[in-house]
């Protein structure tokens, strides 16, 4: 598939290629609403309240007969979804590469996740088990779908366009997340005016994310094209696929070195995203409305941040721009450690700094990795890449939790995450990306 794919990209009519790229952007527009409204804002507190209503007098629920603190049920459900996704992603990636039929797999994952998210409307009373199951299905589905989605990037954009195309995709996602979150917050804060209870308003917000996800997935399914592979990846079945992918990467050590660096610093990024609201509420004493407004600010500024860092990459190269973003992340966390309690203005300043570097660091990392993937193995390699993306991180939350457990301070917990950005910076700086691109069998862009 290597030369065939490169020729296909190069030979595409520019107007047709732009049309396909615009269709590709719309999957980020479709699924990012789930990550923002469901996973980041509404589901955690709501599912926890449902679990607590079903708990015994000691505060425990008993899924499958196992005693679990009601307050931990959401976290355990997210962890379970990570396990499911890790098992499925390499298989899905290899299947997409072998068959070349990525679009049906993208549609299957998208509509399975959208259906599960829409089904959260029925999460009420004491139905915490249904909520946990729907969360596992939706979270695993979005992770697997992103493997397929990301693997299109090398096929729809020649090397010189990938930074800009990847950045626009992230910007579309953050724009959609902002738009829907504004509508959700209007419904949530003014639910009495709409004649619904607060619980019903939350369930409508959850379900609307699923409807949005499913509706806008129609755009990429209409515009993206499947490309048959002439040199498919070898067929490996079962859970051995991930091990086979890693073994293949060992033959391309520079690609593996970049992936390790990315997995480390992106684990820090994902943990900041997921734990910033905990830090704001527990350490800084900020209210729920302030925290939700801060999430919205991050979403809005991440649009401009992704596009702006994409322009910087055209001038300075993606690697240097990502390294600069890691410095900015480190400075931001250092400043966050000293934030005064009960001062929402400074928390908004922190949120603004996160928003400005968030989208760009993620978008440019994705485009950089796309240059380092051997032709014909895109989906398979992106399955490994995706393991620290879209809520899939695990080491950062573990360090955050252990630091708080040992010190009793969320300030110490948040500053402990600096280690991910420092180590990631050092490892990424050591990767000779031009040589890595050549070793992967891809053309080297003029600036990378």
Protein backbone atom coordinates (compact mmCIF):
# COMPACT_ATOMS: atom_id res chain seq x y z
CA UNK A 1 0.00 0.00 0.00
CA UNK A 2 2.96 2.34 0.59
CA UNK A 3 3.66 3.68 -2.90
CA UNK A 4 0.06 3.18 -3.98
CA UNK A 5 -1.22 5.29 -1.10
CA UNK A 6 1.33 8.04 -1.66
CA UNK A 7 0.52 8.15 -5.36
CA UNK A 8 -3.20 8.22 -4.55
CA UNK A 9 -2.77 11.21 -2.25
CA UNK A 10 -0.52 13.01 -4.71
CA UNK A 11 -2.78 12.27 -7.68
CA UNK A 12 -6.02 13.27 -6.00
CA UNK A 13 -7.75 16.23 -7.53
CA UNK A 14 -7.09 19.12 -5.10
CA UNK A 15 -10.79 19.98 -4.92
CA UNK A 16 -11.68 16.36 -4.16
CA UNK A 17 -8.93 16.15 -1.55
CA UNK A 18 -10.20 19.30 0.17
CA UNK A 19 -13.72 17.87 0.14
CA UNK A 20 -12.50 14.68 1.80
CA UNK A 21 -10.51 16.64 4.36
CA UNK A 22 -13.58 18.68 5.26
CA UNK A 23 -15.52 15.46 5.73
CA UNK A 24 -12.73 14.17 7.97
CA UNK A 25 -12.91 17.28 10.17
CA UNK A 26 -16.55 16.57 10.86
CA UNK A 27 -15.86 13.40 12.81
CA UNK A 28 -14.01 15.48 15.39
CA UNK A 29 -17.02 17.83 15.27
CA UNK A 30 -19.30 14.83 15.86
CA UNK A 31 -17.57 12.91 18.67
CA UNK A 32 -15.85 15.66 20.68
CA UNK A 33 -19.21 16.62 22.17
CA UNK A 34 -19.20 13.28 23.99
CA UNK A 35 -15.79 14.00 25.54
CA UNK A 36 -16.78 17.51 26.60
CA UNK A 37 -20.39 17.38 27.75
CA UNK A 38 -20.61 13.75 28.86
CA UNK A 39 -17.23 12.64 30.14
CA UNK A 40 -15.83 15.96 31.40
CA UNK A 41 -18.90 17.78 32.71
CA UNK A 42 -22.13 15.90 33.38
CA UNK A 43 -21.81 12.12 33.66
CA UNK A 44 -19.37 11.83 36.57
CA UNK A 45 -21.41 13.75 39.15
CA UNK A 46 -24.73 12.40 37.87
CA UNK A 47 -23.73 8.72 37.75
CA UNK A 48 -22.20 9.07 41.21
CA UNK A 49 -25.50 10.44 42.55
CA UNK A 50 -27.40 7.54 40.98
CA UNK A 51 -24.98 5.05 42.51
CA UNK A 52 -25.30 6.71 45.93
CA UNK A 53 -29.10 6.44 45.73
CA UNK A 54 -28.69 2.69 45.19
CA UNK A 55 -26.08 2.22 47.92
CA UNK A 56 -26.57 0.24 51.11
CA UNK A 57 -26.44 1.97 54.54
CA UNK A 58 -22.64 1.72 54.50
CA UNK A 59 -22.40 3.56 51.18
CA UNK A 60 -21.61 0.55 49.01
CA UNK A 61 -23.13 -0.75 45.79
CA UNK A 62 -22.63 -4.36 44.73
CA UNK A 63 -22.14 -4.78 40.98
CA UNK A 64 -21.80 -8.50 40.25
CA UNK A 65 -21.72 -9.06 44.00
CA UNK A 66 -18.53 -7.02 44.49
CA UNK A 67 -18.73 -4.31 47.18
CA UNK A 68 -17.79 -0.93 45.68
CA UNK A 69 -17.99 2.51 47.26
CA UNK A 70 -20.67 4.44 45.41
CA UNK A 71 -18.36 7.42 45.08
CA UNK A 72 -15.80 5.26 43.23
CA UNK A 73 -18.20 3.65 40.76
CA UNK A 74 -17.70 6.24 38.01
CA UNK A 75 -13.90 6.02 38.21
CA UNK A 76 -14.00 2.22 38.11
CA UNK A 77 -16.33 2.33 35.10
CA UNK A 78 -13.91 4.60 33.25
CA UNK A 79 -11.06 2.22 34.12
CA UNK A 80 -13.07 -0.73 32.82
CA UNK A 81 -13.70 1.11 29.55
CA UNK A 82 -9.94 1.66 29.19
CA UNK A 83 -9.33 -2.07 29.57
CA UNK A 84 -11.96 -2.88 26.94
CA UNK A 85 -10.58 -0.30 24.54
CA UNK A 86 -6.99 -1.49 24.96
CA UNK A 87 -8.09 -5.02 24.08
CA UNK A 88 -10.12 -3.95 21.04
CA UNK A 89 -8.08 -1.10 19.51
CA UNK A 90 -5.18 -3.17 18.10
CA UNK A 91 -7.61 -5.67 16.60
CA UNK A 92 -9.67 -2.94 14.99
CA UNK A 93 -6.56 -1.21 13.67
CA UNK A 94 -5.15 -4.37 12.12
CA UNK A 95 -8.53 -5.27 10.58
CA UNK A 96 -8.81 -1.82 9.00
CA UNK A 97 -5.30 -2.05 7.57
CA UNK A 98 -5.75 -5.58 6.21
CA UNK A 99 -9.07 -4.93 4.49
CA UNK A 100 -8.67 -1.28 3.58
CA UNK A 101 -12.34 -0.90 4.54
CA UNK A 102 -12.04 1.68 7.28
CA UNK A 103 -15.32 3.47 6.75
CA UNK A 104 -17.64 0.60 7.85
CA UNK A 105 -15.57 0.14 11.01
CA UNK A 106 -15.67 3.88 11.72
CA UNK A 107 -19.44 3.85 11.28
CA UNK A 108 -19.90 0.80 13.51
CA UNK A 109 -17.88 2.29 16.37
CA UNK A 110 -19.47 5.72 16.01
CA UNK A 111 -23.05 4.51 16.05
CA UNK A 112 -22.45 2.00 18.84
CA UNK A 113 -21.03 4.84 20.96
CA UNK A 114 -23.73 7.29 19.91
CA UNK A 115 -26.47 4.78 20.76
CA UNK A 116 -24.95 4.12 24.19
CA UNK A 117 -24.69 7.85 24.87
CA UNK A 118 -28.26 8.51 23.74
CA UNK A 119 -29.38 5.64 25.99
CA UNK A 120 -28.09 7.58 29.00
CA UNK A 121 -31.41 9.42 28.92
CA UNK A 122 -32.84 6.38 30.74
CA UNK A 123 -30.25 6.61 33.52
CA UNK A 124 -32.37 7.53 36.53
CA UNK A 125 -33.51 6.17 39.87
CA UNK A 126 -31.07 3.49 40.98
CA UNK A 127 -29.97 2.29 37.54
CA UNK A 128 -26.27 2.75 38.18
CA UNK A 129 -25.37 -0.56 36.51
CA UNK A 130 -26.97 0.57 33.27
CA UNK A 131 -25.04 3.82 33.54
CA UNK A 132 -21.75 1.98 34.06
CA UNK A 133 -22.40 -0.33 31.11
CA UNK A 134 -23.35 2.54 28.80
CA UNK A 135 -20.24 4.46 29.87
CA UNK A 136 -17.99 1.48 29.13
CA UNK A 137 -19.53 0.99 25.68
CA UNK A 138 -19.44 4.69 24.77
CA UNK A 139 -15.93 5.38 26.05
CA UNK A 140 -14.46 2.28 24.40
CA UNK A 141 -16.31 3.05 21.16
CA UNK A 142 -14.98 6.60 20.89
CA UNK A 143 -11.44 5.35 21.53
CA UNK A 144 -11.65 2.66 18.85
CA UNK A 145 -13.30 5.02 16.37
CA UNK A 146 -10.46 7.52 16.85
CA UNK A 147 -7.95 4.85 15.84
CA UNK A 148 -9.69 4.51 12.48
CA UNK A 149 -10.28 8.27 12.18
CA UNK A 150 -6.63 9.16 12.85
CA UNK A 151 -5.41 6.55 10.38
CA UNK A 152 -7.06 8.48 7.54
CA UNK A 153 -4.73 11.46 8.04
CA UNK A 154 -1.77 10.10 5.99
CA UNK A 155 -4.19 9.16 3.21
CA UNK A 156 -6.09 12.43 2.84
CA UNK A 157 -3.23 14.90 3.30
CA UNK A 158 0.24 14.97 1.71
CA UNK A 159 3.09 15.54 4.17
CA UNK A 160 3.20 19.32 3.76
CA UNK A 161 -0.50 19.68 4.64
CA UNK A 162 -0.76 17.41 7.67
CA UNK A 163 0.00 19.91 10.45
CA UNK A 164 -2.70 22.26 9.16
CA UNK A 165 -5.24 19.49 8.50
CA UNK A 166 -4.72 17.89 11.91
CA UNK A 167 -4.98 21.29 13.63
CA UNK A 168 -8.23 22.09 11.83
CA UNK A 169 -9.66 18.75 12.93
CA UNK A 170 -8.93 19.50 16.58
CA UNK A 171 -10.32 23.03 16.16
CA UNK A 172 -13.56 21.62 14.74
CA UNK A 173 -13.85 19.33 17.75
CA UNK A 174 -13.33 22.07 20.29
CA UNK A 175 -15.74 24.36 18.46
CA UNK A 176 -18.46 21.71 18.56
CA UNK A 177 -17.77 21.00 22.23
CA UNK A 178 -18.13 24.69 23.03
CA UNK A 179 -21.33 25.12 21.05
CA UNK A 180 -23.13 22.16 22.57
CA UNK A 181 -21.85 22.90 26.07
CA UNK A 182 -23.35 26.40 25.87
CA UNK A 183 -26.72 24.91 24.91
CA UNK A 184 -26.44 22.30 27.67
CA UNK A 185 -25.62 24.91 30.29
CA UNK A 186 -28.61 27.05 29.26
CA UNK A 187 -30.88 24.04 29.74
CA UNK A 188 -29.20 22.98 32.98
CA UNK A 189 -29.20 26.37 34.69
CA UNK A 190 -32.71 27.33 33.52
CA UNK A 191 -34.34 23.90 33.72
CA UNK A 192 -37.30 25.26 35.71
CA UNK A 193 -38.07 27.68 32.90
CA UNK A 194 -38.20 24.75 30.50
CA UNK A 195 -40.51 22.80 32.80
CA UNK A 196 -38.09 19.96 33.57
CA UNK A 197 -36.31 18.82 36.71
CA UNK A 198 -32.56 19.16 37.15
CA UNK A 199 -32.18 15.39 36.77
CA UNK A 200 -34.17 15.39 33.53
CA UNK A 201 -32.13 18.30 32.22
CA UNK A 202 -28.91 16.38 32.83
CA UNK A 203 -30.32 13.30 31.06
CA UNK A 204 -31.34 15.44 28.08
CA UNK A 205 -27.83 16.89 27.96
CA UNK A 206 -26.32 13.41 27.98
CA UNK A 207 -28.65 12.08 25.29
CA UNK A 208 -28.23 15.14 23.08
CA UNK A 209 -24.50 14.42 22.85
CA UNK A 210 -25.29 10.98 21.46
CA UNK A 211 -27.77 12.36 18.92
CA UNK A 212 -25.22 14.99 17.84
CA UNK A 213 -22.49 12.31 17.52
CA UNK A 214 -24.65 10.09 15.35
CA UNK A 215 -26.07 12.85 13.16
CA UNK A 216 -22.77 14.48 12.20
CA UNK A 217 -21.00 11.15 11.66
CA UNK A 218 -23.01 10.99 8.42
CA UNK A 219 -20.74 13.68 6.94
CA UNK A 220 -17.43 11.77 7.13
CA UNK A 221 -19.15 8.54 6.13
CA UNK A 222 -20.33 10.24 2.94
CA UNK A 223 -17.09 12.03 2.08
CA UNK A 224 -14.24 9.74 3.16
CA UNK A 225 -13.06 7.10 0.68
CA UNK A 226 -11.75 3.62 1.40
CA UNK A 227 -8.45 2.79 -0.25
CA UNK A 228 -7.64 -0.83 -0.90
CA UNK A 229 -4.24 -1.95 0.29
CA UNK A 230 -1.93 -3.85 -2.03
CA UNK A 231 0.48 -4.76 0.77
CA UNK A 232 -1.65 -5.51 3.84
CA UNK A 233 -0.31 -6.03 7.30
CA UNK A 234 0.11 -9.69 8.22
CA UNK A 235 -2.97 -11.29 9.72
CA UNK A 236 -2.67 -11.66 13.48
CA UNK A 237 -5.69 -12.61 15.51
CA UNK A 238 -6.55 -12.40 19.17
CA UNK A 239 -4.90 -10.26 21.81
CA UNK A 240 -1.50 -10.99 20.27
CA UNK A 241 -2.07 -8.11 17.87
CA UNK A 242 -0.83 -5.43 20.26
CA UNK A 243 2.32 -7.43 20.99
CA UNK A 244 2.83 -7.91 17.24
CA UNK A 245 2.47 -4.15 16.66
CA UNK A 246 5.03 -3.38 19.36
CA UNK A 247 7.43 -5.97 17.93
CA UNK A 248 7.08 -4.36 14.52
CA UNK A 249 7.82 -0.94 16.06
CA UNK A 250 11.04 -2.30 17.53
CA UNK A 251 12.28 -2.51 13.95
CA UNK A 252 11.64 1.25 13.72
CA UNK A 253 13.16 2.46 17.00
CA UNK A 254 12.77 6.16 16.24
CA UNK A 255 9.02 5.78 15.70
CA UNK A 256 8.86 3.88 18.99
CA UNK A 257 10.93 6.58 20.72
CA UNK A 258 8.50 9.28 19.58
CA UNK A 259 5.52 7.18 20.69
CA UNK A 260 7.00 6.68 24.17
CA UNK A 261 7.62 10.43 24.50
CA UNK A 262 4.06 11.17 23.37
CA UNK A 263 2.48 8.63 25.69
CA UNK A 264 4.30 10.20 28.64
CA UNK A 265 3.59 13.89 28.02
CA UNK A 266 0.05 13.27 26.76
CA UNK A 267 -0.71 11.29 29.92
CA UNK A 268 0.11 14.50 31.76
CA UNK A 269 -2.15 16.53 29.43
CA UNK A 270 -5.07 14.13 29.85
CA UNK A 271 -4.66 14.09 33.63
CA UNK A 272 -4.68 17.89 33.84
CA UNK A 273 -7.90 17.90 31.80
CA UNK A 274 -9.62 15.33 33.99
CA UNK A 275 -8.37 16.55 37.39
CA UNK A 276 -8.45 20.34 37.01
CA UNK A 277 -12.08 20.49 38.14
CA UNK A 278 -11.23 18.39 41.22
CA UNK A 279 -8.38 20.76 42.01
CA UNK A 280 -10.67 23.75 41.55
CA UNK A 281 -13.47 22.43 43.73
CA UNK A 282 -11.54 20.67 46.50
CA UNK A 283 -8.41 22.84 46.86
CA UNK A 284 -9.61 26.23 45.63
CA UNK A 285 -13.20 26.01 46.90
CA UNK A 286 -14.79 27.04 43.60
CA UNK A 287 -18.44 26.38 42.75
CA UNK A 288 -19.84 24.13 40.04
CA UNK A 289 -20.89 27.03 37.82
CA UNK A 290 -17.36 28.47 37.92
CA UNK A 291 -15.84 25.12 37.01
CA UNK A 292 -18.23 24.56 34.08
CA UNK A 293 -17.55 28.08 32.80
CA UNK A 294 -13.83 27.33 33.00
CA UNK A 295 -14.31 24.14 30.92
CA UNK A 296 -16.18 26.21 28.34
CA UNK A 297 -13.35 28.77 28.28
CA UNK A 298 -10.84 25.98 27.66
CA UNK A 299 -12.93 24.70 24.75
CA UNK A 300 -13.27 28.11 23.11
CA UNK A 301 -9.60 29.05 23.42
CA UNK A 302 -8.45 25.60 22.31
CA UNK A 303 -9.91 26.37 18.87
CA UNK A 304 -7.67 29.39 18.42
CA UNK A 305 -4.78 27.60 20.11
CA UNK A 306 -4.94 24.67 17.68
CA UNK A 307 -5.06 26.94 14.63
CA UNK A 308 -2.40 29.31 15.96
CA UNK A 309 0.06 26.55 16.80
CA UNK A 310 -0.59 25.06 13.38
CA UNK A 311 0.66 28.33 11.87
CA UNK A 312 3.69 28.29 14.18
CA UNK A 313 4.47 24.77 12.97
CA UNK A 314 4.57 25.97 9.38
CA UNK A 315 7.26 28.48 10.37
CA UNK A 316 9.25 26.61 13.02
CA UNK A 317 8.33 22.95 12.45
CA UNK A 318 5.96 20.72 14.38
CA UNK A 319 8.60 19.24 16.68
CA UNK A 320 9.86 22.62 17.90
CA UNK A 321 6.31 23.87 18.35
CA UNK A 322 5.34 20.83 20.43
CA UNK A 323 8.49 21.24 22.54
CA UNK A 324 7.50 24.86 23.14
CA UNK A 325 4.02 23.76 24.19
CA UNK A 326 5.52 21.37 26.76
CA UNK A 327 7.44 24.28 28.27
CA UNK A 328 4.17 26.23 28.41
CA UNK A 329 2.42 23.29 30.13
CA UNK A 330 5.18 23.15 32.75
CA UNK A 331 4.96 26.88 33.46
CA UNK A 332 1.14 26.69 33.64
CA UNK A 333 1.19 23.89 36.21
CA UNK A 334 3.81 25.75 38.23
CA UNK A 335 1.57 28.81 38.29
CA UNK A 336 -1.43 26.63 39.17
CA UNK A 337 0.33 25.43 42.31
CA UNK A 338 0.31 29.00 43.68
CA UNK A 339 -3.31 29.89 42.81
CA UNK A 340 -5.09 31.46 45.80
CA UNK A 341 -8.21 29.73 47.10
CA UNK A 342 -11.56 31.36 46.45
CA UNK A 343 -10.28 33.47 43.54
CA UNK A 344 -12.11 32.40 40.38
CA UNK A 345 -10.42 35.07 38.24
CA UNK A 346 -7.04 33.41 38.59
CA UNK A 347 -8.57 30.01 37.91
CA UNK A 348 -9.97 31.42 34.66
CA UNK A 349 -6.48 32.69 33.80
CA UNK A 350 -5.18 29.16 34.36
CA UNK A 351 -7.97 27.74 32.18
CA UNK A 352 -7.09 30.23 29.45
CA UNK A 353 -3.46 29.14 29.48
CA UNK A 354 -4.50 25.49 29.26
CA UNK A 355 -6.84 26.23 26.37
CA UNK A 356 -4.17 28.04 24.36
CA UNK A 357 -1.73 25.11 24.42
CA UNK A 358 -4.14 22.18 24.64
CA UNK A 359 -5.44 21.86 21.10
CA UNK A 360 -2.16 22.66 19.37
CA UNK A 361 -0.01 20.24 21.34
CA UNK A 362 -2.43 17.41 20.61
CA UNK A 363 -3.02 18.27 16.94
CA UNK A 364 0.66 18.63 16.08
CA UNK A 365 1.57 15.44 17.93
CA UNK A 366 -0.94 13.58 15.78
CA UNK A 367 0.41 15.03 12.54
CA UNK A 368 4.01 14.33 13.61
CA UNK A 369 3.21 10.70 14.34
CA UNK A 370 1.47 10.31 10.97
CA UNK A 371 4.84 10.92 9.28
CA UNK A 372 6.47 8.16 11.34
CA UNK A 373 3.98 5.39 10.51
CA UNK A 374 5.00 2.85 7.83
CA UNK A 375 2.61 2.95 4.85
CA UNK A 376 -0.03 0.27 5.14
CA UNK A 377 0.10 0.10 8.96
CA UNK A 378 -1.70 3.38 9.76
CA UNK A 379 -4.66 2.08 11.78
CA UNK A 380 -2.57 -0.53 13.57
CA UNK A 381 0.05 2.01 14.68
CA UNK A 382 -2.56 4.59 15.64
CA UNK A 383 -4.17 1.99 17.92
CA UNK A 384 -1.02 2.18 20.05
CA UNK A 385 -0.97 5.98 19.76
CA UNK A 386 -4.57 6.26 20.91
CA UNK A 387 -3.89 4.49 24.22
CA UNK A 388 -3.07 7.80 25.91
CA UNK A 389 -5.72 9.90 24.24
CA UNK A 390 -9.39 10.84 24.74
CA UNK A 391 -9.61 9.79 28.38
CA UNK A 392 -7.36 6.73 27.99
CA UNK A 393 -4.59 7.86 30.37
CA UNK A 394 -4.02 5.90 33.57
CA UNK A 395 -0.53 6.63 34.94
CA UNK A 396 -1.18 10.35 35.48
CA UNK A 397 -4.37 9.87 37.51
CA UNK A 398 -2.57 7.19 39.53
CA UNK A 399 0.28 9.58 40.38
CA UNK A 400 -2.20 12.37 41.13
CA UNK A 401 -4.18 10.10 43.48
CA UNK A 402 -1.13 8.66 45.22
CA UNK A 403 0.37 12.11 45.76
CA UNK A 404 -2.83 13.34 47.33
CA UNK A 405 -3.10 10.19 49.46
CA UNK A 406 0.45 10.64 50.78
CA UNK A 407 0.41 14.42 51.26
CA UNK A 408 -3.26 15.34 51.68
CA UNK A 409 -2.66 18.28 49.35
CA UNK A 410 -4.14 18.74 45.90
CA UNK A 411 -1.50 21.40 45.29
CA UNK A 412 1.20 18.75 45.65
CA UNK A 413 -0.86 16.43 43.47
CA UNK A 414 -1.20 18.95 40.62
CA UNK A 415 2.49 19.95 40.68
CA UNK A 416 3.52 16.28 40.60
CA UNK A 417 2.23 16.15 37.00
CA UNK A 418 5.12 18.39 35.89
CA UNK A 419 7.26 15.24 35.73
CA UNK A 420 5.31 14.03 32.67
CA UNK A 421 6.07 17.21 30.73
CA UNK A 422 9.73 17.30 31.74
CA UNK A 423 10.37 13.67 30.81
CA UNK A 424 8.32 14.00 27.64
CA UNK A 425 10.29 17.10 26.62
CA UNK A 426 13.64 15.37 27.08
CA UNK A 427 12.57 12.24 25.20
CA UNK A 428 10.99 14.16 22.31
CA UNK A 429 14.00 16.47 21.98
CA UNK A 430 16.20 13.41 21.47
CA UNK A 431 14.17 12.06 18.53
CA UNK A 432 15.68 12.96 15.11
CA UNK A 433 12.34 13.26 13.37
CA UNK A 434 13.71 13.63 9.83
CA UNK A 435 15.59 10.37 10.15
CA UNK A 436 12.51 8.78 11.74
CA UNK A 437 10.40 9.80 8.74
CA UNK A 438 12.95 8.31 6.32
CA UNK A 439 13.20 5.09 8.36
CA UNK A 440 9.42 4.71 8.20
CA UNK A 441 9.57 4.84 4.39
CA UNK A 442 7.85 8.21 4.01
CA UNK A 443 8.89 11.40 2.16
CA UNK A 444 10.47 14.00 4.45
CA UNK A 445 8.56 17.34 4.52
CA UNK A 446 10.49 20.53 3.93
CA UNK A 447 9.77 21.57 7.53
CA UNK A 448 8.84 19.20 10.34
